[in-house]
């Protein structure tokens, strides 16, 4: 629950390769408007398929970095 209740968390900038995410509880109780950013389309696609990250991508916005 590393980011549990981090209500000020607005953006998360992700590394190119999805790190292991033991469970989706790492981001419990954050704002529903939080956006997770990837640098490339290939990275974005990888996160949307990766274990547990794919669940988060259904609940939050995953997008390319502006």
C-alpha atoms as a PDB file:
ATOM      1  CA  UNK A   1       0.000   0.000   0.000  1.00  0.00           C
ATOM      2  CA  UNK A   2       2.858   2.336  -0.838  1.00  0.00           C
ATOM      3  CA  UNK A   3       0.616   5.144  -2.117  1.00  0.00           C
ATOM      4  CA  UNK A   4      -2.521   4.341  -0.099  1.00  0.00           C
ATOM      5  CA  UNK A   5      -4.474   7.523   0.644  1.00  0.00           C
ATOM      6  CA  UNK A   6      -2.027   9.806  -1.181  1.00  0.00           C
ATOM      7  CA  UNK A   7      -4.829  12.144  -2.132  1.00  0.00           C
ATOM      8  CA  UNK A   8      -2.459  14.723  -3.600  1.00  0.00           C
ATOM      9  CA  UNK A   9      -1.089  12.206  -6.104  1.00  0.00           C
ATOM     10  CA  UNK A  10      -2.164  13.595  -9.472  1.00  0.00           C
ATOM     11  CA  UNK A  11       0.355  12.082 -11.922  1.00  0.00           C
ATOM     12  CA  UNK A  12       2.586   9.021 -11.933  1.00  0.00           C
ATOM     13  CA  UNK A  13       5.432   8.844 -14.461  1.00  0.00           C
ATOM     14  CA  UNK A  14       6.242   5.219 -15.135  1.00  0.00           C
ATOM     15  CA  UNK A  15       9.515   3.598 -16.194  1.00  0.00           C
ATOM     16  CA  UNK A  16       9.710   2.155 -19.704  1.00  0.00           C
ATOM     17  CA  UNK A  17       9.310  -1.460 -18.551  1.00  0.00           C
ATOM     18  CA  UNK A  18       6.565  -2.362 -16.094  1.00  0.00           C
ATOM     19  CA  UNK A  19       8.099  -3.331 -12.745  1.00  0.00           C
ATOM     20  CA  UNK A  20       6.593  -6.231 -10.824  1.00  0.00           C
ATOM     21  CA  UNK A  21       3.503  -5.112  -8.960  1.00  0.00           C
ATOM     22  CA  UNK A  22       2.576  -7.640  -6.285  1.00  0.00           C
ATOM     23  CA  UNK A  23      -1.010  -6.414  -6.075  1.00  0.00           C
ATOM     24  CA  UNK A  24      -3.156  -3.455  -6.988  1.00  0.00           C
ATOM     25  CA  UNK A  25      -3.333  -2.285  -3.366  1.00  0.00           C
ATOM     26  CA  UNK A  26      -0.214  -0.184  -3.924  1.00  0.00           C
ATOM     27  CA  UNK A  27      -2.465   2.581  -5.230  1.00  0.00           C
ATOM     28  CA  UNK A  28      -5.524   2.168  -2.962  1.00  0.00           C
ATOM     29  CA  UNK A  29      -7.582   5.244  -2.215  1.00  0.00           C
ATOM     30  CA  UNK A  30      -5.890   7.671  -4.601  1.00  0.00           C
ATOM     31  CA  UNK A  31      -7.854  10.202  -6.647  1.00  0.00           C
ATOM     32  CA  UNK A  32      -9.786   8.670  -9.512  1.00  0.00           C
ATOM     33  CA  UNK A  33      -8.381  11.490 -11.673  1.00  0.00           C
ATOM     34  CA  UNK A  34      -4.773  10.352 -11.185  1.00  0.00           C
ATOM     35  CA  UNK A  35      -3.061   9.764 -14.533  1.00  0.00           C
ATOM     36  CA  UNK A  36      -0.285   7.248 -15.134  1.00  0.00           C
ATOM     37  CA  UNK A  37       2.087   8.382 -17.901  1.00  0.00           C
ATOM     38  CA  UNK A  38       4.268   6.281 -20.203  1.00  0.00           C
ATOM     39  CA  UNK A  39       6.985   7.566 -22.556  1.00  0.00           C
ATOM     40  CA  UNK A  40       6.160   5.399 -25.563  1.00  0.00           C
ATOM     41  CA  UNK A  41       3.186   3.594 -27.056  1.00  0.00           C
ATOM     42  CA  UNK A  42       5.040   0.281 -26.647  1.00  0.00           C
ATOM     43  CA  UNK A  43       5.454   0.992 -22.938  1.00  0.00           C
ATOM     44  CA  UNK A  44       1.794   1.974 -22.601  1.00  0.00           C
ATOM     45  CA  UNK A  45       0.743  -1.271 -24.288  1.00  0.00           C
ATOM     46  CA  UNK A  46       3.034  -3.278 -21.982  1.00  0.00           C
ATOM     47  CA  UNK A  47       1.496  -1.746 -18.842  1.00  0.00           C
ATOM     48  CA  UNK A  48      -2.002  -2.481 -20.082  1.00  0.00           C
ATOM     49  CA  UNK A  49      -1.044  -6.179 -20.385  1.00  0.00           C
ATOM     50  CA  UNK A  50       1.195  -6.597 -17.322  1.00  0.00           C
ATOM     51  CA  UNK A  51      -0.020  -8.463 -14.250  1.00  0.00           C
ATOM     52  CA  UNK A  52      -1.838  -6.160 -11.817  1.00  0.00           C
ATOM     53  CA  UNK A  53      -0.961  -3.088 -13.903  1.00  0.00           C
ATOM     54  CA  UNK A  54      -3.700  -4.152 -16.314  1.00  0.00           C
ATOM     55  CA  UNK A  55      -6.237  -3.921 -13.470  1.00  0.00           C
ATOM     56  CA  UNK A  56      -5.057  -0.409 -12.654  1.00  0.00           C
ATOM     57  CA  UNK A  57      -5.274   0.612 -16.307  1.00  0.00           C
ATOM     58  CA  UNK A  58      -8.969  -0.251 -16.183  1.00  0.00           C
ATOM     59  CA  UNK A  59      -9.527   1.983 -13.151  1.00  0.00           C
ATOM     60  CA  UNK A  60      -7.258   4.947 -13.947  1.00  0.00           C
ATOM     61  CA  UNK A  61      -6.140   6.858 -17.007  1.00  0.00           C
ATOM     62  CA  UNK A  62      -2.947   5.563 -18.622  1.00  0.00           C
ATOM     63  CA  UNK A  63      -1.625   7.907 -21.301  1.00  0.00           C
ATOM     64  CA  UNK A  64       1.469   8.968 -23.220  1.00  0.00           C
ATOM     65  CA  UNK A  65       3.562  11.691 -21.598  1.00  0.00           C
ATOM     66  CA  UNK A  66       2.621  15.127 -22.921  1.00  0.00           C
END
